Amino acid sequence: MSGLAGPMIYEGLYHLFYQYNPKGAVWASDIVWAHSTSKDLINWIPREPVLYPSQHYDINGCWSGSATILPGGKPAVLYTGINAENQQVQNIAFPKNLSDPYLEEWVKSPLNPVIDPNGSNMTDASSFDSPTIDYYTNDHQDKNIAFPMNNLPEPNLIEMVQSTSDPDMIDASNFRDPSTGWLGPDGRWRVIIGSKRGKRGIAILYWSKDFIHWVKAKQPLHSAEDTGMWECPDFFPVSTIAPVGLNTSVDGPNVKHVLKVSLFDNSKEYYTTGTYDYAKDVYVPNKGSIDDIFGLRFDYGKFYASKTFFDSAKNRRVLWGWINESSSADDDIKKGWSGIQAAPRAIWLDKSGKHLVQWPITELETLRTGHVDMPSKLLDGGSTVEVLGLTASQADVEMSFKVTNLEKAEKFDPSWTNAEDLCARKVATVKGEIGPFGIMALASKGLEEYTAIFFRIFKANNNKYVVLMCSDQSRSSLDDSTDKANYGVFLDEKLSLRTLIDHSIVESFGGEGKGCITARVYPTMAIGDGAHLHVFNNAAEAVRISSFSGWSMNKAQIN
């Protein structure tokens, strides 16, 4: 299992499409679109894959894409196909039977590819008036798909293939992952596709009046130098006045937009918040937003190829992300699987308007059992307290801390600009003045193995305090073949931590969801009943546990 392809809700049922290799445990180019459905985003039923490589335009793989709900609640998916010439082209498919709530059969359009890198099949949609096309037959007895074969543009309206010397020529090997579409006030649909030109990452913008015939806009929605290939672009609106989700086509005075891209060069994701200018069809990040590899991230750990969708049933935007492996490919083949999706998260704009907040969806709490509370407790420097009464290998923990003597904080060096590097230098075993303090998840009985999630507090030259949140995998496993990276993020919010522990997954939400870090670990001793959970403080100064609640977690049903 790898990246997300198209989460959506249809007729009250959630659908998750994702890239999947049915032939093996590791990624392969001839990937398919797997499909699962759920009533609650927690318990899932796998269905048969809906898209297999089968045609000239996708014979070498059905790669990532997105789902869009068209007028009348009709779903469509755009996806990247790898054609017989190993070029990346964009294709469209529709459900065969709209009366089937499980949408188990999909039909590829005979007009595919609907978007190719340099326009040999492209329509100048601005040059002709095509009536609104009903993507489905008017005969609703079987509601089978019927593709529009009339109202096609005249030949002189077809955009010609550009010369290979054209500086705007798109690299056909770097042209993938169409976004969810949004409808503008001019009645045109828009999508973006990830690409690059030199070292500049690009979100190429396309327009359509009918979601089938597309034309490339004269300029990209956005681009940024020195970011390389942009994969899995996601563009969506957020409310500035309430922590709710918005339909992808919404715009207005109380709306900002978010552009997220996954960078192929470093396998990390970054986002900015800003303004979408519909008149110019460009996105402008907020002043002060960092539009490169030092920018904001959804998650500062193992979290890639993410995708959001608008959950119309609960008026929220839900974020999914792919957690890849810490083990080697040989180990993945031995165990017979690799890759998993992170727990779904609600996502919204912080009150400051500068960054996003994430929190596990409330449905996850239905798995809670075996509740444990810890009274407010002073945690002396150098102390460790085991949390008893819950299943440490599968748990949900929420806690907050209070520091009373901030004047003792270590001085912050202005050159410490990279939180991940700082966490790697100051791991959980490195004693500080205030911090490290937090939890040891998936710990073995003798603490030979553990994954530490903790805070450190520093004092900057401006007399302000800097909070560093780390997820330290350096002692997560005695198996030296696994990845033991350290992850980190700077916070300026409440010293709160929520951590979801699920055998090899540790998802942590710091500062009430302002900073998120996901770890993938493979302990050799801290497995099942051999796993323990501790609260610790490896600092000179004491800290107070203000609150602590923990739950054992039942297993989600994946039948």
Protein backbone atom coordinates (compact mmCIF):
# COMPACT_ATOMS: atom_id res chain seq x y z
CA MET A 1 0.00 0.00 0.00
CA SER A 2 1.29 3.45 -0.85
CA GLY A 3 -0.12 6.91 -1.51
CA LEU A 4 -3.73 8.05 -1.31
CA ALA A 5 -5.61 8.33 -4.57
CA GLY A 6 -9.09 9.67 -3.88
CA PRO A 7 -10.90 9.77 -0.53
CA MET A 8 -14.53 10.87 -0.75
CA ILE A 9 -18.04 10.41 0.65
CA TYR A 10 -20.89 9.20 -1.56
CA GLU A 11 -24.46 8.50 -0.41
CA GLY A 12 -23.33 8.51 3.22
CA LEU A 13 -20.57 5.95 2.65
CA TYR A 14 -16.87 6.79 2.80
CA HIS A 15 -14.60 5.57 0.00
CA LEU A 16 -10.85 5.33 0.13
CA PHE A 17 -8.84 4.72 -3.03
CA TYR A 18 -5.12 4.12 -2.74
CA GLN A 19 -2.16 2.84 -4.72
CA TYR A 20 -1.61 -0.86 -4.26
CA ASN A 21 0.63 -3.56 -5.68
CA PRO A 22 -1.39 -6.80 -5.85
CA LYS A 23 1.69 -8.73 -6.93
CA GLY A 24 4.03 -8.04 -4.03
CA ALA A 25 4.91 -6.25 -0.80
CA VAL A 26 6.92 -3.41 -2.34
CA TRP A 27 6.04 -0.64 -4.76
CA ALA A 28 5.91 -1.47 -8.48
CA SER A 29 5.27 0.77 -11.46
CA ASP A 30 2.23 -1.18 -12.69
CA ILE A 31 0.28 -0.12 -9.63
CA VAL A 32 -3.53 -0.36 -9.34
CA TRP A 33 -6.22 1.64 -7.55
CA ALA A 34 -7.36 -0.36 -4.53
CA HIS A 35 -10.69 0.49 -2.89
CA SER A 36 -12.19 0.22 0.60
CA THR A 37 -15.44 1.53 2.08
CA SER A 38 -16.51 2.53 5.57
CA LYS A 39 -19.47 3.94 7.45
CA ASP A 40 -17.33 5.72 10.05
CA LEU A 41 -13.78 6.19 8.63
CA ILE A 42 -12.50 3.72 11.25
CA ASN A 43 -13.83 0.26 10.33
CA TRP A 44 -13.24 -0.69 6.70
CA ILE A 45 -14.33 -3.28 4.17
CA PRO A 46 -11.89 -3.88 1.29
CA ARG A 47 -13.45 -4.03 -2.18
CA GLU A 48 -11.99 -5.19 -5.44
CA PRO A 49 -9.54 -2.73 -7.05
CA VAL A 50 -11.36 -0.35 -9.39
CA LEU A 51 -8.60 0.62 -11.84
CA TYR A 52 -6.11 -1.77 -13.41
CA PRO A 53 -3.57 -1.03 -16.17
CA SER A 54 -5.44 -2.06 -19.30
CA GLN A 55 -5.29 0.58 -22.03
CA HIS A 56 -2.60 2.30 -24.06
CA TYR A 57 -2.84 5.36 -21.82
CA ASP A 58 -2.35 3.47 -18.50
CA ILE A 59 -0.84 0.13 -19.50
CA ASN A 60 2.23 0.73 -17.31
CA GLY A 61 0.37 1.79 -14.18
CA CYS A 62 -2.63 3.57 -12.69
CA TRP A 63 -0.96 6.08 -10.41
CA SER A 64 -2.34 8.60 -7.95
CA GLY A 65 -5.14 11.08 -8.56
CA SER A 66 -8.23 12.50 -6.89
CA ALA A 67 -11.97 12.20 -6.63
CA THR A 68 -14.33 15.08 -7.40
CA ILE A 69 -18.05 15.21 -6.71
CA LEU A 70 -19.71 16.77 -9.76
CA PRO A 71 -23.07 18.59 -9.76
CA GLY A 72 -25.88 16.33 -8.67
CA GLY A 73 -23.57 14.43 -6.34
CA LYS A 74 -21.98 12.42 -9.17
CA PRO A 75 -18.40 11.26 -8.53
CA ALA A 76 -15.55 11.22 -11.01
CA VAL A 77 -11.89 10.32 -10.59
CA LEU A 78 -8.92 11.78 -12.40
CA TYR A 79 -5.76 9.68 -12.27
CA THR A 80 -2.29 9.55 -13.74
CA GLY A 81 -1.71 6.75 -16.21
CA ILE A 82 1.68 5.63 -17.44
CA ASN A 83 1.19 5.04 -21.14
CA ALA A 84 2.93 2.64 -23.50
CA GLU A 85 5.66 5.24 -24.13
CA ASN A 86 6.17 5.62 -20.34
CA GLN A 87 4.72 9.12 -20.43
CA GLN A 88 2.53 10.38 -17.60
CA VAL A 89 -0.95 11.33 -18.82
CA GLN A 90 -4.18 12.16 -17.01
CA ASN A 91 -7.29 10.03 -17.39
CA ILE A 92 -10.85 10.05 -16.11
CA ALA A 93 -13.21 7.32 -14.93
CA PHE A 94 -16.80 7.24 -13.67
CA PRO A 95 -18.85 4.75 -11.66
CA LYS A 96 -20.68 2.29 -13.87
CA ASN A 97 -23.75 2.20 -11.66
CA LEU A 98 -24.73 5.17 -9.52
CA SER A 99 -27.36 3.16 -7.68
CA ASP A 100 -24.59 0.97 -6.22
CA PRO A 101 -23.56 2.73 -2.97
CA TYR A 102 -20.30 0.74 -2.93
CA LEU A 103 -19.29 1.99 -6.40
CA GLU A 104 -17.58 -1.31 -7.12
CA GLU A 105 -17.31 -0.91 -10.91
CA TRP A 106 -15.75 2.03 -12.73
CA VAL A 107 -15.51 2.76 -16.44
CA LYS A 108 -12.64 4.57 -18.11
CA SER A 109 -13.60 7.23 -20.63
CA PRO A 110 -13.05 6.46 -24.33
CA LEU A 111 -11.73 10.03 -24.56
CA ASN A 112 -8.71 9.21 -22.38
CA PRO A 113 -6.20 10.60 -21.96
CA VAL A 114 -8.10 13.80 -21.20
CA ILE A 115 -4.89 15.68 -20.37
CA ASP A 116 -1.49 14.87 -21.78
CA PRO A 117 1.77 16.67 -21.04
CA ASN A 118 1.96 18.83 -24.12
CA GLY A 119 -1.57 19.15 -25.32
CA SER A 120 -1.90 16.87 -28.35
CA ASN A 121 -5.41 16.00 -27.19
CA MET A 122 -6.23 19.24 -25.43
CA THR A 123 -9.20 21.48 -26.10
CA ASP A 124 -9.18 25.24 -25.97
CA ALA A 125 -12.19 25.33 -23.69
CA SER A 126 -12.27 29.11 -23.74
CA SER A 127 -12.89 29.13 -27.48
CA PHE A 128 -16.14 27.25 -27.70
CA ASP A 129 -19.43 26.98 -25.90
CA SER A 130 -20.25 23.43 -24.95
CA PRO A 131 -23.58 22.90 -23.27
CA THR A 132 -23.56 21.40 -19.82
CA ILE A 133 -22.93 17.70 -20.32
CA ASP A 134 -24.79 15.08 -18.34
CA TYR A 135 -22.07 12.57 -17.57
CA TYR A 136 -24.67 9.87 -17.09
CA THR A 137 -27.57 8.69 -19.20
CA ASN A 138 -30.98 10.17 -18.68
CA ASP A 139 -32.28 6.64 -18.44
CA HIS A 140 -31.92 6.02 -14.72
CA GLN A 141 -33.20 2.46 -14.82
CA ASP A 142 -29.65 1.14 -14.74
CA LYS A 143 -27.76 4.46 -14.45
CA ASN A 144 -24.91 3.11 -16.51
CA ILE A 145 -22.29 5.52 -17.70
CA ALA A 146 -22.71 7.13 -21.09
CA PHE A 147 -19.82 9.27 -22.29
CA PRO A 148 -20.57 12.38 -24.33
CA MET A 149 -19.61 11.81 -27.93
CA ASN A 150 -21.22 14.91 -29.36
CA ASN A 151 -20.55 18.63 -28.88
CA LEU A 152 -16.86 18.01 -29.46
CA PRO A 153 -14.79 21.00 -30.58
CA GLU A 154 -13.90 21.63 -34.18
CA PRO A 155 -10.42 20.43 -35.21
CA ASN A 156 -9.05 23.97 -35.38
CA LEU A 157 -9.76 24.34 -31.67
CA ILE A 158 -7.51 21.46 -30.72
CA GLU A 159 -4.28 22.67 -29.14
CA MET A 160 -1.31 21.45 -31.17
CA VAL A 161 1.73 19.60 -29.78
CA GLN A 162 4.33 22.13 -28.79
CA SER A 163 7.81 22.15 -30.24
CA THR A 164 10.40 20.33 -28.16
CA SER A 165 12.38 23.59 -28.13
CA ASP A 166 9.52 25.37 -26.39
CA PRO A 167 10.70 26.50 -22.92
CA ASP A 168 7.21 25.75 -21.62
CA MET A 169 7.39 22.14 -22.74
CA ILE A 170 6.26 19.83 -19.94
CA ASP A 171 8.48 16.91 -18.99
CA ALA A 172 6.27 13.87 -19.60
CA SER A 173 8.08 11.94 -16.87
CA ASN A 174 7.24 14.61 -14.28
CA PHE A 175 3.55 15.30 -14.77
CA ARG A 176 1.30 13.56 -12.27
CA ASP A 177 -1.27 13.45 -9.48
CA PRO A 178 -4.25 15.59 -10.59
CA SER A 179 -5.98 17.33 -7.70
CA THR A 180 -9.61 17.39 -6.69
CA GLY A 181 -11.40 19.81 -9.01
CA TRP A 182 -12.98 23.07 -7.95
CA LEU A 183 -15.62 25.11 -9.74
CA GLY A 184 -14.99 28.82 -10.26
CA PRO A 185 -17.57 31.63 -10.40
CA ASP A 186 -17.12 31.65 -14.19
CA GLY A 187 -18.53 28.12 -14.42
CA ARG A 188 -15.19 26.53 -15.25
CA TRP A 189 -13.67 23.61 -13.43
CA ARG A 190 -10.05 23.79 -12.37
CA VAL A 191 -7.51 21.15 -11.39
CA ILE A 192 -3.79 21.30 -10.75
CA ILE A 193 -1.16 18.73 -11.68
CA GLY A 194 2.28 18.42 -10.11
CA SER A 195 5.35 19.02 -12.26
CA LYS A 196 8.68 20.80 -12.35
CA ARG A 197 10.78 22.94 -14.66
CA GLY A 198 14.45 22.65 -13.81
CA LYS A 199 14.56 22.90 -10.02
CA ARG A 200 11.32 24.87 -9.83
CA GLY A 201 8.29 22.97 -8.56
CA ILE A 202 5.05 23.78 -10.39
CA ALA A 203 1.32 23.31 -9.88
CA ILE A 204 0.13 23.41 -13.50
CA LEU A 205 -3.44 24.72 -13.79
CA TYR A 206 -6.06 23.36 -16.19
CA TRP A 207 -9.58 24.60 -17.00
CA SER A 208 -12.66 22.79 -18.25
CA LYS A 209 -16.31 23.54 -18.81
CA ASP A 210 -17.40 19.90 -18.64
CA PHE A 211 -14.66 18.11 -16.65
CA ILE A 212 -13.64 16.15 -19.75
CA HIS A 213 -12.19 18.65 -22.23
CA TRP A 214 -9.29 20.55 -20.65
CA VAL A 215 -7.01 23.43 -21.56
CA LYS A 216 -3.81 24.47 -19.84
CA ALA A 217 -3.88 27.93 -18.30
CA LYS A 218 -1.27 30.42 -19.47
CA GLN A 219 0.42 30.38 -16.08
CA PRO A 220 0.60 27.87 -13.22
CA LEU A 221 -1.46 28.26 -10.10
CA HIS A 222 1.81 28.56 -8.19
CA SER A 223 5.48 27.59 -8.36
CA ALA A 224 8.56 27.83 -6.15
CA GLU A 225 12.26 27.74 -6.92
CA ASP A 226 14.60 25.03 -5.60
CA THR A 227 11.81 22.69 -4.53
CA GLY A 228 12.06 20.13 -7.34
CA MET A 229 9.23 17.90 -8.48
CA TRP A 230 5.84 18.54 -6.84
CA GLU A 231 3.81 15.41 -6.24
CA CYS A 232 0.27 15.00 -4.90
CA PRO A 233 -0.68 18.70 -4.87
CA ASP A 234 -3.71 19.53 -2.74
CA PHE A 235 -5.48 22.89 -2.92
CA PHE A 236 -8.45 23.68 -0.70
CA PRO A 237 -10.24 26.51 1.14
CA VAL A 238 -10.32 26.98 4.91
CA SER A 239 -12.58 29.14 7.04
CA THR A 240 -11.01 32.07 8.89
CA ILE A 241 -13.87 32.33 11.40
CA ALA A 242 -14.70 28.76 12.47
CA PRO A 243 -12.96 25.36 12.81
CA VAL A 244 -15.08 23.76 10.10
CA GLY A 245 -14.45 22.31 6.67
CA LEU A 246 -15.46 23.90 3.37
CA ASN A 247 -16.43 22.47 0.02
CA THR A 248 -13.44 22.65 -2.31
CA SER A 249 -15.19 25.19 -4.57
CA VAL A 250 -16.05 27.66 -1.78
CA ASP A 251 -14.58 31.16 -1.79
CA GLY A 252 -15.52 34.38 -0.04
CA PRO A 253 -14.50 37.10 2.41
CA ASN A 254 -13.93 34.68 5.32
CA VAL A 255 -11.91 32.17 3.34
CA LYS A 256 -8.22 31.52 2.85
CA HIS A 257 -6.65 28.78 0.79
CA VAL A 258 -4.05 26.13 1.47
CA LEU A 259 -1.62 24.70 -1.07
CA LYS A 260 0.15 21.49 -0.04
CA VAL A 261 2.77 19.76 -2.15
CA SER A 262 4.77 16.56 -1.63
CA LEU A 263 8.40 17.05 -2.63
CA PHE A 264 9.80 14.11 -4.54
CA ASP A 265 13.41 15.14 -3.88
CA ASN A 266 13.26 14.78 -0.08
CA SER A 267 10.02 12.79 0.45
CA LYS A 268 8.55 15.48 2.68
CA GLU A 269 5.43 17.62 2.42
CA TYR A 270 5.04 21.37 2.83
CA TYR A 271 2.14 23.78 2.81
CA THR A 272 1.40 27.47 2.81
CA THR A 273 -1.75 29.43 3.57
CA GLY A 274 -2.68 32.34 1.38
CA THR A 275 -5.08 33.99 -1.03
CA TYR A 276 -6.53 32.61 -4.22
CA ASP A 277 -7.09 35.30 -6.85
CA TYR A 278 -9.91 33.91 -9.01
CA ALA A 279 -9.60 36.73 -11.53
CA LYS A 280 -5.94 35.95 -12.26
CA ASP A 281 -6.19 32.25 -11.33
CA VAL A 282 -3.09 32.41 -9.15
CA TYR A 283 -2.40 31.53 -5.55
CA VAL A 284 -0.42 33.98 -3.42
CA PRO A 285 0.98 32.74 -0.08
CA ASN A 286 0.55 34.94 2.96
CA LYS A 287 3.25 37.49 3.62
CA GLY A 288 5.88 35.81 5.74
CA SER A 289 4.97 32.30 4.59
CA ILE A 290 8.01 30.16 3.87
CA ASP A 291 7.58 28.68 0.42
CA ASP A 292 10.39 26.13 0.40
CA ILE A 293 11.84 23.18 2.34
CA PHE A 294 11.93 25.25 5.54
CA GLY A 295 8.18 25.83 5.45
CA LEU A 296 5.26 24.40 7.39
CA ARG A 297 4.40 20.71 7.22
CA PHE A 298 1.28 18.68 7.94
CA ASP A 299 3.47 16.17 9.75
CA TYR A 300 7.17 16.29 10.61
CA GLY A 301 7.69 12.52 10.59
CA LYS A 302 6.89 9.66 8.21
CA PHE A 303 3.88 11.10 6.42
CA TYR A 304 3.71 11.55 2.65
CA ALA A 305 1.43 11.65 -0.39
CA SER A 306 -1.38 13.04 1.76
CA LYS A 307 -4.83 13.94 0.54
CA THR A 308 -7.75 15.82 2.06
CA PHE A 309 -11.44 15.67 1.23
CA PHE A 310 -14.51 17.60 2.32
CA ASP A 311 -16.74 15.45 4.51
CA SER A 312 -20.14 16.94 3.72
CA ALA A 313 -21.85 14.70 6.29
CA LYS A 314 -19.94 16.28 9.19
CA ASN A 315 -18.97 19.63 7.69
CA ARG A 316 -15.26 19.03 8.14
CA ARG A 317 -12.13 18.54 6.07
CA VAL A 318 -10.42 15.21 6.66
CA LEU A 319 -6.73 14.57 6.07
CA TRP A 320 -5.25 11.20 5.14
CA GLY A 321 -1.54 10.45 4.87
CA TRP A 322 0.61 7.51 3.90
CA ILE A 323 3.10 6.14 6.44
CA ASN A 324 5.92 4.38 4.65
CA GLU A 325 8.39 1.92 6.11
CA SER A 326 11.35 2.06 8.47
CA SER A 327 12.32 -1.49 7.55
CA SER A 328 14.31 -2.53 4.49
CA ALA A 329 12.70 -3.70 1.25
CA ASP A 330 14.03 -7.21 1.94
CA ASP A 331 12.30 -7.20 5.32
CA ASP A 332 9.09 -5.93 3.72
CA ILE A 333 9.16 -8.84 1.29
CA LYS A 334 9.74 -11.29 4.14
CA LYS A 335 6.82 -9.98 6.18
CA GLY A 336 4.62 -9.77 3.08
CA TRP A 337 3.41 -6.19 3.33
CA SER A 338 4.50 -2.56 3.54
CA GLY A 339 2.84 0.81 4.00
CA ILE A 340 -0.17 1.92 6.01
CA GLN A 341 -2.47 4.94 6.17
CA ALA A 342 -2.30 7.23 9.20
CA ALA A 343 -5.37 7.72 11.36
CA PRO A 344 -7.72 10.19 9.63
CA ARG A 345 -7.47 13.72 11.01
CA ALA A 346 -9.78 16.70 11.02
CA ILE A 347 -7.92 19.77 9.78
CA TRP A 348 -8.73 23.47 10.07
CA LEU A 349 -7.13 26.91 10.21
CA ASP A 350 -5.76 28.17 13.51
CA LYS A 351 -7.19 31.42 14.91
CA SER A 352 -3.96 33.19 13.97
CA GLY A 353 -4.63 32.41 10.31
CA LYS A 354 -1.00 31.38 9.86
CA HIS A 355 -1.05 27.61 10.17
CA LEU A 356 -3.29 24.58 10.35
CA VAL A 357 -4.47 22.49 13.28
CA GLN A 358 -4.93 18.72 13.09
CA TRP A 359 -6.69 16.34 15.44
CA PRO A 360 -7.71 12.68 15.16
CA ILE A 361 -11.34 12.44 14.09
CA THR A 362 -13.78 11.92 16.96
CA GLU A 363 -14.86 8.51 15.62
CA LEU A 364 -11.49 7.15 16.72
CA GLU A 365 -12.64 7.51 20.32
CA THR A 366 -15.16 4.68 19.78
CA LEU A 367 -12.19 2.30 19.98
CA ARG A 368 -11.26 3.49 23.48
CA THR A 369 -11.55 1.11 26.43
CA GLY A 370 -9.85 0.59 29.81
CA HIS A 371 -9.58 4.24 30.88
CA VAL A 372 -6.68 5.32 33.15
CA ASP A 373 -6.31 8.74 34.82
CA MET A 374 -3.25 10.07 36.61
CA PRO A 375 -3.68 12.83 39.21
CA SER A 376 -1.65 16.01 38.93
CA LYS A 377 1.88 15.03 39.83
CA LEU A 378 5.26 16.70 40.17
CA LEU A 379 7.80 14.85 38.06
CA ASP A 380 11.26 15.38 39.51
CA GLY A 381 14.30 15.59 37.30
CA GLY A 382 15.64 12.17 36.35
CA SER A 383 12.41 10.35 37.19
CA THR A 384 10.39 7.80 35.23
CA VAL A 385 6.85 6.64 36.05
CA GLU A 386 5.25 3.64 34.38
CA VAL A 387 1.63 3.98 33.32
CA LEU A 388 -0.24 0.86 34.38
CA GLY A 389 -3.73 -0.36 33.56
CA LEU A 390 -3.74 0.00 29.79
CA THR A 391 -2.51 -1.95 26.79
CA ALA A 392 0.71 -0.12 26.00
CA SER A 393 1.04 -1.58 22.49
CA GLN A 394 -2.32 -0.14 21.44
CA ALA A 395 -3.25 3.03 23.30
CA ASP A 396 -4.50 6.62 23.11
CA VAL A 397 -2.85 9.00 25.58
CA GLU A 398 -3.60 12.68 26.30
CA MET A 399 -1.56 14.74 28.74
CA SER A 400 -0.36 18.23 29.54
CA PHE A 401 2.58 19.65 31.50
CA LYS A 402 3.30 22.80 33.46
CA VAL A 403 6.74 24.32 34.03
CA THR A 404 7.10 26.63 37.04
CA ASN A 405 10.71 27.79 36.78
CA LEU A 406 11.23 28.97 33.22
CA GLU A 407 14.22 31.12 34.20
CA LYS A 408 16.30 27.96 34.31
CA ALA A 409 15.76 27.33 30.60
CA GLU A 410 18.81 26.69 28.46
CA LYS A 411 19.82 29.53 26.15
CA PHE A 412 18.62 29.10 22.58
CA ASP A 413 21.25 29.40 19.88
CA PRO A 414 19.88 31.41 16.91
CA SER A 415 21.68 29.02 14.55
CA TRP A 416 19.33 26.23 15.66
CA THR A 417 16.91 26.70 12.80
CA ASN A 418 16.32 23.03 11.97
CA ALA A 419 14.19 21.30 14.61
CA GLU A 420 14.91 17.84 13.23
CA ASP A 421 18.67 18.33 13.43
CA LEU A 422 18.37 19.73 16.95
CA CYS A 423 16.33 16.71 18.06
CA ALA A 424 18.99 14.43 16.57
CA ARG A 425 21.68 16.19 18.64
CA LYS A 426 19.62 16.38 21.82
CA VAL A 427 18.00 12.95 22.03
CA ALA A 428 16.02 11.78 25.05
CA THR A 429 19.15 10.62 26.88
CA VAL A 430 20.77 14.08 26.71
CA LYS A 431 19.96 15.82 29.97
CA GLY A 432 18.83 19.44 29.80
CA GLU A 433 17.68 22.16 32.17
CA ILE A 434 13.98 22.06 31.24
CA GLY A 435 13.45 18.91 29.26
CA PRO A 436 13.47 16.40 27.83
CA PHE A 437 10.14 15.44 29.41
CA GLY A 438 7.30 13.45 27.87
CA ILE A 439 6.53 9.78 27.30
CA MET A 440 8.38 6.63 26.36
CA ALA A 441 6.09 4.65 24.08
CA LEU A 442 6.59 1.02 23.05
CA ALA A 443 9.17 0.58 25.79
CA SER A 444 10.65 -2.77 26.76
CA LYS A 445 10.65 -3.79 30.43
CA GLY A 446 14.28 -2.84 30.98
CA LEU A 447 14.09 0.23 28.69
CA GLU A 448 16.45 -1.33 26.17
CA GLU A 449 13.92 -0.14 23.57
CA TYR A 450 11.55 2.81 23.55
CA THR A 451 10.33 5.61 21.32
CA ALA A 452 10.45 8.90 23.22
CA ILE A 453 8.16 11.82 22.45
CA PHE A 454 9.17 14.84 24.47
CA PHE A 455 9.51 18.59 24.91
CA ARG A 456 12.48 20.86 25.63
CA ILE A 457 12.22 24.53 26.51
CA PHE A 458 14.82 27.13 25.59
CA LYS A 459 15.11 30.85 26.26
CA ALA A 460 15.75 33.05 23.22
CA ASN A 461 17.61 36.36 23.18
CA ASN A 462 14.35 38.31 23.04
CA ASN A 463 13.33 36.80 26.41
CA LYS A 464 10.77 34.65 24.67
CA TYR A 465 10.69 30.91 25.10
CA VAL A 466 11.08 28.30 22.40
CA VAL A 467 9.42 24.90 22.74
CA LEU A 468 10.97 22.00 20.86
CA MET A 469 8.91 18.83 20.34
CA CYS A 470 10.82 15.69 19.36
CA SER A 471 10.01 12.13 18.35
CA ASP A 472 13.18 10.15 19.06
CA GLN A 473 13.54 6.76 17.37
CA SER A 474 17.22 6.30 18.23
CA ARG A 475 16.41 3.60 20.81
CA SER A 476 13.20 2.33 19.22
CA SER A 477 14.61 -1.05 18.22
CA LEU A 478 17.58 -3.32 18.78
CA ASP A 479 17.37 -4.16 15.08
CA ASP A 480 20.05 -1.96 13.52
CA SER A 481 18.64 -2.43 10.01
CA THR A 482 15.61 -0.22 10.75
CA ASP A 483 15.44 3.53 10.23
CA LYS A 484 16.00 5.30 13.56
CA ALA A 485 15.61 8.91 12.54
CA ASN A 486 14.72 11.73 14.88
CA TYR A 487 11.95 14.17 14.03
CA GLY A 488 11.14 17.57 15.47
CA VAL A 489 9.11 20.75 15.29
CA PHE A 490 9.23 24.10 17.07
CA LEU A 491 6.06 25.06 18.93
CA ASP A 492 4.86 28.15 20.75
CA GLU A 493 1.73 26.72 22.25
CA LYS A 494 0.47 24.85 25.31
CA LEU A 495 2.62 21.96 26.55
CA SER A 496 0.08 19.34 25.59
CA LEU A 497 0.58 15.99 23.93
CA ARG A 498 -1.73 13.40 22.46
CA THR A 499 -0.19 10.18 21.19
CA LEU A 500 -1.79 7.30 19.31
CA ILE A 501 0.18 4.06 19.71
CA ASP A 502 -0.57 1.14 17.42
CA HIS A 503 2.15 -1.55 17.57
CA SER A 504 4.58 -0.03 15.04
CA ILE A 505 2.94 3.38 14.64
CA VAL A 506 3.34 6.33 17.02
CA GLU A 507 1.37 9.43 15.96
CA SER A 508 1.88 12.45 18.21
CA PHE A 509 0.01 15.76 18.30
CA GLY A 510 1.71 18.56 20.22
CA GLY A 511 0.47 22.01 21.19
CA GLU A 512 -3.18 20.99 20.79
CA GLY A 513 -2.56 19.84 17.22
CA LYS A 514 -0.24 22.63 16.06
CA GLY A 515 2.65 20.21 15.53
CA CYS A 516 2.29 16.56 14.44
CA ILE A 517 4.94 13.85 14.19
CA THR A 518 4.42 10.28 12.99
CA ALA A 519 6.96 7.53 13.65
CA ARG A 520 7.16 4.02 12.20
CA VAL A 521 9.16 1.75 14.53
CA TYR A 522 9.86 -1.97 14.75
CA PRO A 523 10.89 -2.96 18.29
CA THR A 524 12.17 -6.48 18.91
CA MET A 525 11.22 -6.69 22.61
CA ALA A 526 8.46 -4.12 23.16
CA ILE A 527 5.87 -6.16 21.27
CA GLY A 528 2.34 -7.02 22.42
CA ASP A 529 2.32 -7.72 26.17
CA GLY A 530 6.03 -6.91 26.22
CA ALA A 531 5.33 -3.23 25.53
CA HIS A 532 5.25 -0.67 28.35
CA LEU A 533 4.45 3.04 28.61
CA HIS A 534 6.31 5.53 30.82
CA VAL A 535 6.14 9.22 31.61
CA PHE A 536 9.64 10.63 32.09
CA ASN A 537 11.61 13.76 32.90
CA ASN A 538 15.33 13.65 32.10
CA ALA A 539 15.99 17.27 33.08
CA ALA A 540 17.54 19.14 35.97
CA GLU A 541 14.28 20.95 36.76
CA ALA A 542 11.03 19.33 37.84
CA VAL A 543 7.89 19.62 35.73
CA ARG A 544 4.29 19.04 36.69
CA ILE A 545 1.96 16.64 34.96
CA SER A 546 -1.16 18.83 34.86
CA SER A 547 -3.41 16.17 33.38
CA PHE A 548 -3.15 12.62 32.11
CA SER A 549 -5.76 10.35 30.54
CA GLY A 550 -5.04 7.12 28.74
CA TRP A 551 -7.06 4.40 27.10
CA SER A 552 -6.43 0.96 25.74
CA MET A 553 -7.65 0.80 22.17
CA ASN A 554 -9.70 -1.90 20.52
CA LYS A 555 -8.73 -3.05 17.07
CA ALA A 556 -10.52 -1.48 14.13
CA GLN A 557 -12.42 -3.92 11.95
CA ILE A 558 -10.79 -4.42 8.57
CA ASN A 559 -12.63 -7.38 7.07
